[in-house]
Amino acid sequence: MPLTEAGIYAAALRLIDEDGVEALTMRKLATELDANPMSLYHHVPNKEAVLRGVARTVGAQFRTVSLQDAPWQERIRLLATDFRTLAHRHPNLMAYSFSHQPDFIQPDDPFWTTLTAITTAAGVPPSEVPEIAALMAAVVIGVLNAELNGSLEQWSNLTPSGVGSGEHEATFADGAGPDQDRMFRLVVDTLIAGLESRLATGRNGRSDGH
């Protein structure tokens, strides 16, 4: 079959899912495609371009149930949960993208268009929608990145000052470590509560900080 950009990105994603971004090379990609390595360069200039193409492909495939008639709070929870599912479906790629590709999210990505639509429906003034959506995305992505690279588990096992080791260990009943599902729900609920508070302040006519 002739080489195509879509085929190259699909093969690269398979290799990334199996072995990680660092293990991906143009030669390995060519072998996966049963192609001459030099022929790849007719479609993509280098590995970085491949990674960007794969990230765009995965981002464009993101899907979430819109729940147009549901409260905006429930829509945010579902959007965040579905985005987390995507991150854990391709953890190697997503961890790399979160850390190395600041333009990973594009204006026409389904995640971004849905997030901005929900913040608009919540009553955020149009001029503030990009800023509020960006902050919410940054928090969610930061938490997901900490999940994927192991930081969240590591930090959750740090013994707080003045707390005995036995007391800290009892936090995790089965000794399996932190409940990351619960922690993610807590993050999303906190974001929602913060936006609710900001919107209520605006409706009451009070200025920020008062």
N, C-alpha and C. Protein backbone atom coordinates (compact mmCIF):
# COMPACT_ATOMS: atom_id res chain seq x y z
N MET A 1 0.84 -1.20 0.00
CA MET A 1 0.00 0.00 0.00
C MET A 1 0.87 1.25 0.00
N PRO A 2 0.45 2.30 -0.70
CA PRO A 2 1.24 3.53 -0.73
C PRO A 2 1.26 4.21 0.63
N LEU A 3 2.36 4.88 0.90
CA LEU A 3 2.47 5.60 2.16
C LEU A 3 1.57 6.82 2.15
N THR A 4 0.95 7.09 3.28
CA THR A 4 0.16 8.29 3.48
C THR A 4 0.48 8.87 4.86
N GLU A 5 0.21 10.15 5.05
CA GLU A 5 0.45 10.74 6.36
C GLU A 5 -0.38 10.03 7.43
N ALA A 6 -1.63 9.75 7.11
CA ALA A 6 -2.50 9.08 8.08
C ALA A 6 -1.95 7.71 8.46
N GLY A 7 -1.45 6.98 7.49
CA GLY A 7 -0.88 5.66 7.76
C GLY A 7 0.38 5.75 8.59
N ILE A 8 1.19 6.77 8.31
CA ILE A 8 2.43 6.98 9.07
C ILE A 8 2.10 7.29 10.52
N TYR A 9 1.12 8.16 10.74
CA TYR A 9 0.76 8.54 12.11
C TYR A 9 0.16 7.35 12.86
N ALA A 10 -0.63 6.55 12.18
CA ALA A 10 -1.24 5.38 12.84
C ALA A 10 -0.17 4.38 13.26
N ALA A 11 0.83 4.16 12.39
CA ALA A 11 1.91 3.23 12.72
C ALA A 11 2.76 3.79 13.86
N ALA A 12 3.03 5.10 13.81
CA ALA A 12 3.82 5.72 14.88
C ALA A 12 3.10 5.60 16.22
N LEU A 13 1.79 5.77 16.21
CA LEU A 13 1.04 5.66 17.46
C LEU A 13 1.12 4.25 18.04
N ARG A 14 1.07 3.25 17.18
CA ARG A 14 1.21 1.87 17.65
C ARG A 14 2.56 1.67 18.33
N LEU A 15 3.61 2.19 17.73
CA LEU A 15 4.95 2.03 18.29
C LEU A 15 5.09 2.81 19.60
N ILE A 16 4.52 4.01 19.65
CA ILE A 16 4.58 4.82 20.87
C ILE A 16 3.82 4.13 22.00
N ASP A 17 2.65 3.59 21.70
CA ASP A 17 1.87 2.89 22.73
C ASP A 17 2.65 1.70 23.28
N GLU A 18 3.41 1.03 22.41
CA GLU A 18 4.13 -0.17 22.84
C GLU A 18 5.42 0.16 23.59
N ASP A 19 6.20 1.11 23.07
CA ASP A 19 7.56 1.30 23.60
C ASP A 19 7.87 2.71 24.09
N GLY A 20 6.98 3.66 23.87
CA GLY A 20 7.24 5.01 24.32
C GLY A 20 7.79 5.91 23.23
N VAL A 21 7.72 7.21 23.47
CA VAL A 21 8.16 8.20 22.49
C VAL A 21 9.65 8.11 22.24
N GLU A 22 10.43 7.89 23.31
CA GLU A 22 11.88 7.89 23.17
C GLU A 22 12.36 6.78 22.25
N ALA A 23 11.63 5.67 22.22
CA ALA A 23 12.06 4.52 21.40
C ALA A 23 11.69 4.68 19.93
N LEU A 24 10.85 5.64 19.62
CA LEU A 24 10.43 5.82 18.23
C LEU A 24 11.55 6.45 17.41
N THR A 25 11.89 5.83 16.30
CA THR A 25 12.84 6.40 15.35
C THR A 25 12.24 6.28 13.96
N MET A 26 12.76 7.07 13.05
CA MET A 26 12.26 7.02 11.67
C MET A 26 12.56 5.65 11.06
N ARG A 27 13.68 5.04 11.45
CA ARG A 27 14.01 3.71 10.92
C ARG A 27 13.02 2.66 11.43
N LYS A 28 12.72 2.70 12.72
CA LYS A 28 11.74 1.75 13.27
C LYS A 28 10.37 1.96 12.64
N LEU A 29 10.03 3.21 12.40
CA LEU A 29 8.75 3.51 11.79
C LEU A 29 8.69 2.96 10.37
N ALA A 30 9.78 3.10 9.65
CA ALA A 30 9.83 2.57 8.29
C ALA A 30 9.70 1.04 8.29
N THR A 31 10.36 0.40 9.26
CA THR A 31 10.25 -1.06 9.37
C THR A 31 8.81 -1.47 9.66
N GLU A 32 8.15 -0.74 10.55
CA GLU A 32 6.76 -1.03 10.88
C GLU A 32 5.87 -0.92 9.64
N LEU A 33 6.22 0.01 8.76
CA LEU A 33 5.43 0.26 7.55
C LEU A 33 5.93 -0.56 6.35
N ASP A 34 7.01 -1.33 6.57
CA ASP A 34 7.62 -2.09 5.48
C ASP A 34 7.96 -1.17 4.32
N ALA A 35 8.64 -0.07 4.67
CA ALA A 35 8.98 0.94 3.67
C ALA A 35 10.44 1.33 3.78
N ASN A 36 10.95 1.95 2.75
CA ASN A 36 12.31 2.49 2.77
C ASN A 36 12.32 3.71 3.69
N PRO A 37 13.27 3.79 4.63
CA PRO A 37 13.28 4.94 5.55
C PRO A 37 13.26 6.28 4.84
N MET A 38 13.97 6.39 3.71
CA MET A 38 14.03 7.66 3.01
C MET A 38 12.68 8.06 2.43
N SER A 39 11.83 7.07 2.16
CA SER A 39 10.52 7.40 1.58
C SER A 39 9.62 8.12 2.57
N LEU A 40 9.89 7.94 3.87
CA LEU A 40 9.08 8.64 4.87
C LEU A 40 9.24 10.15 4.76
N TYR A 41 10.44 10.58 4.37
CA TYR A 41 10.72 12.01 4.34
C TYR A 41 10.00 12.74 3.22
N HIS A 42 9.36 12.00 2.33
CA HIS A 42 8.52 12.64 1.32
C HIS A 42 7.19 13.10 1.93
N HIS A 43 6.88 12.58 3.12
CA HIS A 43 5.61 12.88 3.78
C HIS A 43 5.79 13.66 5.07
N VAL A 44 6.84 13.36 5.82
CA VAL A 44 7.11 14.05 7.09
C VAL A 44 8.60 14.36 7.17
N PRO A 45 8.97 15.58 7.60
CA PRO A 45 10.38 15.96 7.58
C PRO A 45 11.25 15.32 8.65
N ASN A 46 10.65 14.98 9.81
CA ASN A 46 11.45 14.46 10.91
C ASN A 46 10.54 13.84 11.97
N LYS A 47 11.17 13.32 13.03
CA LYS A 47 10.41 12.69 14.11
C LYS A 47 9.49 13.67 14.81
N GLU A 48 9.95 14.89 15.01
CA GLU A 48 9.11 15.87 15.70
C GLU A 48 7.82 16.12 14.92
N ALA A 49 7.92 16.18 13.61
CA ALA A 49 6.72 16.37 12.79
C ALA A 49 5.79 15.17 12.91
N VAL A 50 6.37 13.99 13.02
CA VAL A 50 5.56 12.79 13.21
C VAL A 50 4.80 12.88 14.53
N LEU A 51 5.50 13.27 15.59
CA LEU A 51 4.87 13.36 16.91
C LEU A 51 3.75 14.39 16.91
N ARG A 52 3.96 15.50 16.24
CA ARG A 52 2.92 16.51 16.17
C ARG A 52 1.71 16.00 15.39
N GLY A 53 2.00 15.28 14.31
CA GLY A 53 0.91 14.71 13.52
C GLY A 53 0.12 13.67 14.30
N VAL A 54 0.83 12.84 15.05
CA VAL A 54 0.15 11.83 15.86
C VAL A 54 -0.70 12.50 16.94
N ALA A 55 -0.16 13.53 17.59
CA ALA A 55 -0.91 14.24 18.63
C ALA A 55 -2.16 14.89 18.06
N ARG A 56 -2.03 15.50 16.88
CA ARG A 56 -3.21 16.12 16.26
C ARG A 56 -4.26 15.07 15.90
N THR A 57 -3.79 13.92 15.41
CA THR A 57 -4.71 12.85 15.04
C THR A 57 -5.48 12.35 16.25
N VAL A 58 -4.77 12.12 17.35
CA VAL A 58 -5.42 11.63 18.56
C VAL A 58 -6.37 12.68 19.12
N GLY A 59 -5.92 13.95 19.12
CA GLY A 59 -6.78 15.02 19.62
C GLY A 59 -8.06 15.17 18.81
N ALA A 60 -7.96 14.99 17.51
CA ALA A 60 -9.13 15.13 16.64
C ALA A 60 -10.11 13.99 16.83
N GLN A 61 -9.63 12.87 17.35
CA GLN A 61 -10.49 11.70 17.55
C GLN A 61 -11.20 11.73 18.90
N PHE A 62 -10.89 12.74 19.74
CA PHE A 62 -11.52 12.81 21.05
C PHE A 62 -13.03 12.95 20.90
N ARG A 63 -13.74 12.19 21.69
CA ARG A 63 -15.19 12.25 21.66
C ARG A 63 -15.73 12.31 23.09
N THR A 64 -16.77 13.08 23.27
CA THR A 64 -17.46 13.11 24.55
C THR A 64 -18.95 13.28 24.28
N VAL A 65 -19.78 12.76 25.17
CA VAL A 65 -21.22 12.94 25.04
C VAL A 65 -21.55 14.39 25.39
N SER A 66 -22.25 15.08 24.52
CA SER A 66 -22.44 16.52 24.71
C SER A 66 -23.39 16.87 25.86
N LEU A 67 -24.44 16.07 26.06
CA LEU A 67 -25.41 16.34 27.13
C LEU A 67 -25.85 17.81 27.12
N GLN A 68 -26.31 18.26 25.96
CA GLN A 68 -26.64 19.67 25.81
C GLN A 68 -27.65 20.19 26.84
N ASP A 69 -28.57 19.33 27.27
CA ASP A 69 -29.61 19.77 28.21
C ASP A 69 -29.22 19.58 29.67
N ALA A 70 -28.06 19.01 29.93
CA ALA A 70 -27.63 18.78 31.30
C ALA A 70 -27.03 20.05 31.89
N PRO A 71 -27.00 20.17 33.21
CA PRO A 71 -26.32 21.31 33.84
C PRO A 71 -24.86 21.37 33.41
N TRP A 72 -24.33 22.59 33.31
CA TRP A 72 -22.96 22.72 32.83
C TRP A 72 -21.98 22.00 33.74
N GLN A 73 -22.31 21.88 35.03
CA GLN A 73 -21.41 21.18 35.95
C GLN A 73 -21.23 19.71 35.54
N GLU A 74 -22.34 19.06 35.18
CA GLU A 74 -22.26 17.67 34.76
C GLU A 74 -21.53 17.53 33.44
N ARG A 75 -21.71 18.51 32.57
CA ARG A 75 -21.01 18.47 31.28
C ARG A 75 -19.50 18.61 31.47
N ILE A 76 -19.10 19.45 32.41
CA ILE A 76 -17.67 19.60 32.71
C ILE A 76 -17.11 18.29 33.26
N ARG A 77 -17.84 17.67 34.19
CA ARG A 77 -17.37 16.41 34.77
C ARG A 77 -17.19 15.35 33.69
N LEU A 78 -18.16 15.24 32.79
CA LEU A 78 -18.08 14.24 31.74
C LEU A 78 -16.93 14.54 30.78
N LEU A 79 -16.79 15.79 30.41
CA LEU A 79 -15.70 16.17 29.50
C LEU A 79 -14.35 15.83 30.10
N ALA A 80 -14.15 16.20 31.36
CA ALA A 80 -12.87 15.94 32.02
C ALA A 80 -12.62 14.44 32.14
N THR A 81 -13.65 13.67 32.47
CA THR A 81 -13.50 12.23 32.62
C THR A 81 -13.17 11.57 31.28
N ASP A 82 -13.82 12.01 30.22
CA ASP A 82 -13.55 11.45 28.90
C ASP A 82 -12.13 11.81 28.43
N PHE A 83 -11.69 13.02 28.76
CA PHE A 83 -10.34 13.43 28.39
C PHE A 83 -9.31 12.60 29.16
N ARG A 84 -9.62 12.31 30.41
CA ARG A 84 -8.73 11.46 31.22
C ARG A 84 -8.67 10.05 30.62
N THR A 85 -9.81 9.54 30.17
CA THR A 85 -9.83 8.22 29.54
C THR A 85 -8.94 8.19 28.32
N LEU A 86 -8.99 9.24 27.51
CA LEU A 86 -8.13 9.33 26.33
C LEU A 86 -6.66 9.35 26.74
N ALA A 87 -6.34 10.11 27.78
CA ALA A 87 -4.94 10.20 28.25
C ALA A 87 -4.42 8.84 28.68
N HIS A 88 -5.26 8.06 29.36
CA HIS A 88 -4.82 6.74 29.82
C HIS A 88 -4.86 5.70 28.71
N ARG A 89 -5.55 5.99 27.62
CA ARG A 89 -5.56 5.08 26.47
C ARG A 89 -4.23 5.16 25.72
N HIS A 90 -3.65 6.36 25.69
CA HIS A 90 -2.35 6.55 25.02
C HIS A 90 -1.41 7.29 25.98
N PRO A 91 -1.04 6.66 27.09
CA PRO A 91 -0.29 7.39 28.12
C PRO A 91 1.08 7.89 27.68
N ASN A 92 1.78 7.11 26.86
CA ASN A 92 3.11 7.55 26.44
C ASN A 92 3.04 8.81 25.59
N LEU A 93 2.14 8.81 24.63
CA LEU A 93 1.98 9.97 23.76
C LEU A 93 1.49 11.18 24.54
N MET A 94 0.47 10.97 25.38
CA MET A 94 -0.14 12.10 26.07
C MET A 94 0.81 12.73 27.08
N ALA A 95 1.58 11.90 27.78
CA ALA A 95 2.55 12.44 28.73
C ALA A 95 3.58 13.30 28.00
N TYR A 96 4.01 12.83 26.83
CA TYR A 96 4.97 13.61 26.03
C TYR A 96 4.33 14.91 25.56
N SER A 97 3.12 14.82 25.04
CA SER A 97 2.45 16.01 24.51
C SER A 97 2.21 17.04 25.59
N PHE A 98 1.76 16.58 26.77
CA PHE A 98 1.51 17.51 27.87
C PHE A 98 2.77 18.28 28.25
N SER A 99 3.92 17.61 28.18
CA SER A 99 5.17 18.20 28.66
C SER A 99 5.96 18.93 27.58
N HIS A 100 5.80 18.53 26.32
CA HIS A 100 6.69 19.03 25.27
C HIS A 100 5.99 19.75 24.12
N GLN A 101 4.66 19.75 24.10
CA GLN A 101 3.96 20.37 22.98
C GLN A 101 2.93 21.39 23.50
N PRO A 102 3.36 22.63 23.73
CA PRO A 102 2.43 23.64 24.24
C PRO A 102 1.26 23.91 23.31
N ASP A 103 1.43 23.58 22.01
CA ASP A 103 0.33 23.77 21.05
C ASP A 103 -0.44 22.47 20.83
N PHE A 104 -0.35 21.54 21.80
CA PHE A 104 -1.05 20.27 21.69
C PHE A 104 -2.54 20.47 21.45
N ILE A 105 -3.14 21.42 22.16
CA ILE A 105 -4.56 21.74 21.97
C ILE A 105 -4.69 22.87 20.97
N GLN A 106 -5.46 22.61 19.93
CA GLN A 106 -5.68 23.59 18.88
C GLN A 106 -7.11 24.15 18.98
N PRO A 107 -7.36 25.33 18.39
CA PRO A 107 -8.69 25.96 18.52
C PRO A 107 -9.85 25.10 18.03
N ASP A 108 -9.58 24.25 17.03
CA ASP A 108 -10.67 23.45 16.46
C ASP A 108 -10.72 22.03 17.02
N ASP A 109 -9.91 21.73 18.04
CA ASP A 109 -9.95 20.40 18.65
C ASP A 109 -11.29 20.19 19.34
N PRO A 110 -11.85 18.97 19.26
CA PRO A 110 -13.14 18.70 19.93
C PRO A 110 -13.12 19.00 21.42
N PHE A 111 -12.01 18.71 22.09
CA PHE A 111 -11.93 18.99 23.52
C PHE A 111 -12.08 20.48 23.79
N TRP A 112 -11.34 21.28 23.03
CA TRP A 112 -11.35 22.73 23.27
C TRP A 112 -12.68 23.35 22.88
N THR A 113 -13.23 22.95 21.75
CA THR A 113 -14.51 23.52 21.33
C THR A 113 -15.63 23.17 22.32
N THR A 114 -15.58 21.94 22.85
CA THR A 114 -16.59 21.54 23.83
C THR A 114 -16.40 22.29 25.14
N LEU A 115 -15.15 22.44 25.58
CA LEU A 115 -14.88 23.15 26.84
C LEU A 115 -15.33 24.60 26.75
N THR A 116 -15.03 25.28 25.66
CA THR A 116 -15.43 26.68 25.53
C THR A 116 -16.95 26.81 25.42
N ALA A 117 -17.59 25.83 24.78
CA ALA A 117 -19.06 25.87 24.69
C ALA A 117 -19.69 25.71 26.07
N ILE A 118 -19.10 24.84 26.89
CA ILE A 118 -19.65 24.62 28.24
C ILE A 118 -19.44 25.85 29.12
N THR A 119 -18.26 26.46 29.05
CA THR A 119 -18.02 27.64 29.87
C THR A 119 -18.93 28.80 29.44
N THR A 120 -19.21 28.87 28.15
CA THR A 120 -20.15 29.88 27.67
C THR A 120 -21.54 29.61 28.21
N ALA A 121 -21.96 28.34 28.15
CA ALA A 121 -23.28 27.96 28.65
C ALA A 121 -23.40 28.20 30.15
N ALA A 122 -22.28 28.13 30.87
CA ALA A 122 -22.30 28.36 32.31
C ALA A 122 -22.58 29.82 32.66
N GLY A 123 -22.38 30.70 31.69
CA GLY A 123 -22.61 32.11 31.94
C GLY A 123 -21.35 32.94 32.03
N VAL A 124 -20.21 32.37 31.65
CA VAL A 124 -18.96 33.13 31.65
C VAL A 124 -19.05 34.19 30.55
N PRO A 125 -18.71 35.45 30.84
CA PRO A 125 -18.74 36.49 29.81
C PRO A 125 -17.87 36.10 28.62
N PRO A 126 -18.33 36.36 27.40
CA PRO A 126 -17.57 35.94 26.20
C PRO A 126 -16.11 36.36 26.22
N SER A 127 -15.82 37.56 26.73
CA SER A 127 -14.43 38.03 26.75
C SER A 127 -13.55 37.21 27.68
N GLU A 128 -14.17 36.51 28.66
CA GLU A 128 -13.39 35.74 29.62
C GLU A 128 -13.35 34.24 29.30
N VAL A 129 -14.13 33.80 28.32
CA VAL A 129 -14.20 32.37 28.03
C VAL A 129 -12.84 31.75 27.71
N PRO A 130 -12.03 32.34 26.81
CA PRO A 130 -10.73 31.71 26.52
C PRO A 130 -9.84 31.59 27.75
N GLU A 131 -9.83 32.63 28.58
CA GLU A 131 -8.97 32.61 29.76
C GLU A 131 -9.43 31.56 30.78
N ILE A 132 -10.74 31.53 31.05
CA ILE A 132 -11.28 30.56 32.01
C ILE A 132 -11.07 29.14 31.49
N ALA A 133 -11.36 28.92 30.21
CA ALA A 133 -11.19 27.59 29.63
C ALA A 133 -9.72 27.17 29.67
N ALA A 134 -8.83 28.10 29.38
CA ALA A 134 -7.40 27.77 29.40
C ALA A 134 -6.94 27.37 30.80
N LEU A 135 -7.41 28.08 31.82
CA LEU A 135 -7.04 27.75 33.19
C LEU A 135 -7.58 26.39 33.60
N MET A 136 -8.82 26.10 33.23
CA MET A 136 -9.40 24.80 33.57
C MET A 136 -8.65 23.68 32.86
N ALA A 137 -8.33 23.89 31.58
CA ALA A 137 -7.58 22.88 30.84
C ALA A 137 -6.20 22.67 31.46
N ALA A 138 -5.56 23.76 31.87
CA ALA A 138 -4.22 23.66 32.45
C ALA A 138 -4.23 22.84 33.74
N VAL A 139 -5.24 23.05 34.57
CA VAL A 139 -5.33 22.29 35.82
C VAL A 139 -5.56 20.81 35.54
N VAL A 140 -6.51 20.51 34.67
CA VAL A 140 -6.80 19.11 34.35
C VAL A 140 -5.60 18.43 33.73
N ILE A 141 -4.95 19.09 32.78
CA ILE A 141 -3.78 18.50 32.12
C ILE A 141 -2.64 18.33 33.11
N GLY A 142 -2.47 19.28 34.01
CA GLY A 142 -1.42 19.15 35.02
C GLY A 142 -1.62 17.94 35.90
N VAL A 143 -2.85 17.71 36.31
CA VAL A 143 -3.15 16.55 37.15
C VAL A 143 -2.95 15.26 36.35
N LEU A 144 -3.42 15.24 35.11
CA LEU A 144 -3.25 14.04 34.29
C LEU A 144 -1.77 13.75 34.04
N ASN A 145 -1.00 14.78 33.81
CA ASN A 145 0.44 14.58 33.60
C ASN A 145 1.08 13.99 34.85
N ALA A 146 0.65 14.47 36.02
CA ALA A 146 1.18 13.93 37.27
C ALA A 146 0.76 12.47 37.47
N GLU A 147 -0.43 12.13 37.02
CA GLU A 147 -0.86 10.73 37.07
C GLU A 147 0.02 9.87 36.17
N LEU A 148 0.21 10.33 34.93
CA LEU A 148 0.89 9.50 33.93
C LEU A 148 2.38 9.32 34.24
N ASN A 149 3.01 10.35 34.79
CA ASN A 149 4.46 10.22 35.05
C ASN A 149 4.77 9.72 36.46
N GLY A 150 3.72 9.43 37.23
CA GLY A 150 3.92 8.85 38.56
C GLY A 150 4.10 9.85 39.68
N SER A 151 4.11 11.15 39.34
CA SER A 151 4.33 12.16 40.38
C SER A 151 3.20 12.18 41.40
N LEU A 152 1.96 12.03 40.94
CA LEU A 152 0.83 12.11 41.85
C LEU A 152 0.91 11.04 42.92
N GLU A 153 1.24 9.82 42.52
CA GLU A 153 1.37 8.74 43.49
C GLU A 153 2.53 9.01 44.45
N GLN A 154 3.64 9.50 43.90
CA GLN A 154 4.80 9.79 44.73
C GLN A 154 4.48 10.86 45.76
N TRP A 155 3.85 11.94 45.32
CA TRP A 155 3.53 13.03 46.24
C TRP A 155 2.52 12.59 47.28
N SER A 156 1.58 11.74 46.87
CA SER A 156 0.55 11.30 47.81
C SER A 156 1.11 10.41 48.91
N ASN A 157 2.30 9.87 48.69
CA ASN A 157 2.92 9.01 49.69
C ASN A 157 3.92 9.74 50.57
N LEU A 158 4.07 11.05 50.35
CA LEU A 158 4.94 11.83 51.21
C LEU A 158 4.29 11.99 52.58
N THR A 159 5.03 11.70 53.62
CA THR A 159 4.49 11.82 54.97
C THR A 159 4.44 13.28 55.39
N PRO A 160 3.25 13.80 55.70
CA PRO A 160 3.16 15.20 56.13
C PRO A 160 3.96 15.43 57.41
N SER A 161 4.49 16.62 57.57
CA SER A 161 5.25 16.97 58.77
C SER A 161 4.39 16.80 60.01
N GLY A 162 4.91 16.10 61.01
CA GLY A 162 4.20 15.92 62.27
C GLY A 162 3.25 14.74 62.29
N VAL A 163 3.18 14.01 61.16
CA VAL A 163 2.29 12.84 61.10
C VAL A 163 3.15 11.59 61.12
N GLY A 164 2.85 10.66 61.99
CA GLY A 164 3.60 9.42 62.08
C GLY A 164 3.39 8.56 60.86
N SER A 165 4.36 7.73 60.55
CA SER A 165 4.27 6.89 59.35
C SER A 165 3.07 5.95 59.43
N GLY A 166 2.77 5.42 60.59
CA GLY A 166 1.63 4.51 60.70
C GLY A 166 0.32 5.21 60.41
N GLU A 167 0.21 6.44 60.89
CA GLU A 167 -1.03 7.20 60.65
C GLU A 167 -1.18 7.50 59.17
N HIS A 168 -0.07 7.83 58.51
CA HIS A 168 -0.13 8.15 57.07
C HIS A 168 -0.47 6.91 56.26
N GLU A 169 0.10 5.78 56.59
CA GLU A 169 -0.15 4.55 55.85
C GLU A 169 -1.61 4.13 55.96
N ALA A 170 -2.24 4.48 57.08
CA ALA A 170 -3.63 4.08 57.27
C ALA A 170 -4.57 4.80 56.32
N THR A 171 -4.07 5.88 55.67
CA THR A 171 -4.90 6.59 54.72
C THR A 171 -5.31 5.68 53.58
N PHE A 172 -4.44 4.76 53.18
CA PHE A 172 -4.73 3.83 52.10
C PHE A 172 -5.04 2.48 52.72
N ALA A 173 -6.31 2.16 52.81
CA ALA A 173 -6.76 0.99 53.56
C ALA A 173 -6.15 -0.31 53.07
N ASP A 174 -6.03 -0.46 51.74
CA ASP A 174 -5.52 -1.73 51.22
C ASP A 174 -4.04 -1.69 50.89
N GLY A 175 -3.40 -0.56 51.20
CA GLY A 175 -1.98 -0.44 50.93
C GLY A 175 -1.64 -0.30 49.46
N ALA A 176 -2.65 -0.05 48.62
CA ALA A 176 -2.42 0.00 47.17
C ALA A 176 -2.03 1.38 46.68
N GLY A 177 -2.00 2.36 47.56
CA GLY A 177 -1.66 3.70 47.13
C GLY A 177 -2.89 4.57 46.99
N PRO A 178 -2.71 5.80 46.52
CA PRO A 178 -3.83 6.75 46.47
C PRO A 178 -4.90 6.33 45.48
N ASP A 179 -6.13 6.70 45.78
CA ASP A 179 -7.25 6.46 44.88
C ASP A 179 -7.27 7.61 43.87
N GLN A 180 -6.64 7.40 42.72
CA GLN A 180 -6.50 8.48 41.76
C GLN A 180 -7.83 8.85 41.12
N ASP A 181 -8.76 7.92 41.01
CA ASP A 181 -10.09 8.24 40.50
C ASP A 181 -10.76 9.27 41.42
N ARG A 182 -10.69 9.01 42.73
CA ARG A 182 -11.29 9.93 43.70
C ARG A 182 -10.59 11.27 43.67
N MET A 183 -9.28 11.26 43.57
CA MET A 183 -8.52 12.51 43.55
C MET A 183 -8.86 13.34 42.31
N PHE A 184 -9.06 12.67 41.18
CA PHE A 184 -9.40 13.40 39.96
C PHE A 184 -10.79 14.03 40.09
N ARG A 185 -11.73 13.26 40.67
CA ARG A 185 -13.06 13.83 40.89
C ARG A 185 -12.99 15.04 41.80
N LEU A 186 -12.13 14.98 42.81
CA LEU A 186 -11.96 16.10 43.73
C LEU A 186 -11.45 17.33 43.00
N VAL A 187 -10.50 17.15 42.10
CA VAL A 187 -9.96 18.27 41.32
C VAL A 187 -11.05 18.91 40.48
N VAL A 188 -11.81 18.08 39.78
CA VAL A 188 -12.87 18.61 38.90
C VAL A 188 -13.94 19.31 39.73
N ASP A 189 -14.32 18.72 40.87
CA ASP A 189 -15.33 19.35 41.73
C ASP A 189 -14.83 20.70 42.26
N THR A 190 -13.54 20.77 42.54
CA THR A 190 -12.96 22.03 43.02
C THR A 190 -12.99 23.10 41.94
N LEU A 191 -12.68 22.71 40.71
CA LEU A 191 -12.75 23.64 39.59
C LEU A 191 -14.18 24.16 39.41
N ILE A 192 -15.12 23.24 39.48
CA ILE A 192 -16.53 23.62 39.32
C ILE A 192 -16.96 24.57 40.43
N ALA A 193 -16.60 24.25 41.67
CA ALA A 193 -16.96 25.11 42.80
C ALA A 193 -16.35 26.51 42.65
N GLY A 194 -15.12 26.56 42.16
CA GLY A 194 -14.48 27.85 41.96
C GLY A 194 -15.19 28.69 40.90
N LEU A 195 -15.59 28.04 39.80
CA LEU A 195 -16.29 28.77 38.76
C LEU A 195 -17.68 29.19 39.22
N GLU A 196 -18.36 28.31 39.96
CA GLU A 196 -19.67 28.68 40.52
C GLU A 196 -19.55 29.92 41.40
N SER A 197 -18.52 29.95 42.23
CA SER A 197 -18.32 31.08 43.12
C SER A 197 -18.05 32.36 42.34
N ARG A 198 -17.24 32.25 41.31
CA ARG A 198 -16.93 33.43 40.49
C ARG A 198 -18.17 33.95 39.77
N LEU A 199 -18.97 33.04 39.24
CA LEU A 199 -20.18 33.45 38.55
C LEU A 199 -21.18 34.07 39.51
N ALA A 200 -21.30 33.50 40.71
CA ALA A 200 -22.21 34.06 41.71
C ALA A 200 -21.77 35.45 42.12
N THR A 201 -20.47 35.66 42.24
CA THR A 201 -19.95 36.98 42.59
C THR A 201 -20.31 37.99 41.52
N GLY A 202 -20.18 37.58 40.26
CA GLY A 202 -20.52 38.48 39.16
C GLY A 202 -21.98 38.84 39.14
N ARG A 203 -22.84 37.85 39.41
CA ARG A 203 -24.28 38.11 39.41
C ARG A 203 -24.69 39.03 40.55
N ASN A 204 -23.95 38.97 41.65
CA ASN A 204 -24.28 39.82 42.81
C ASN A 204 -23.72 41.23 42.70
N GLY A 205 -22.97 41.46 41.61
CA GLY A 205 -22.48 42.79 41.35
C GLY A 205 -21.28 43.19 42.17
N ARG A 206 -20.61 42.21 42.78
CA ARG A 206 -19.43 42.55 43.58
C ARG A 206 -18.20 42.45 42.71
N SER A 207 -17.23 43.27 42.97
CA SER A 207 -15.99 43.22 42.22
C SER A 207 -15.10 42.13 42.78
N ASP A 208 -14.12 41.70 41.99
CA ASP A 208 -13.21 40.64 42.43
C ASP A 208 -12.47 41.08 43.68
N GLY A 209 -12.38 40.13 44.63
CA GLY A 209 -11.63 40.41 45.86
C GLY A 209 -12.46 41.05 46.94
N HIS A 210 -13.77 41.26 46.68
CA HIS A 210 -14.62 41.87 47.70
C HIS A 210 -15.81 40.98 47.99
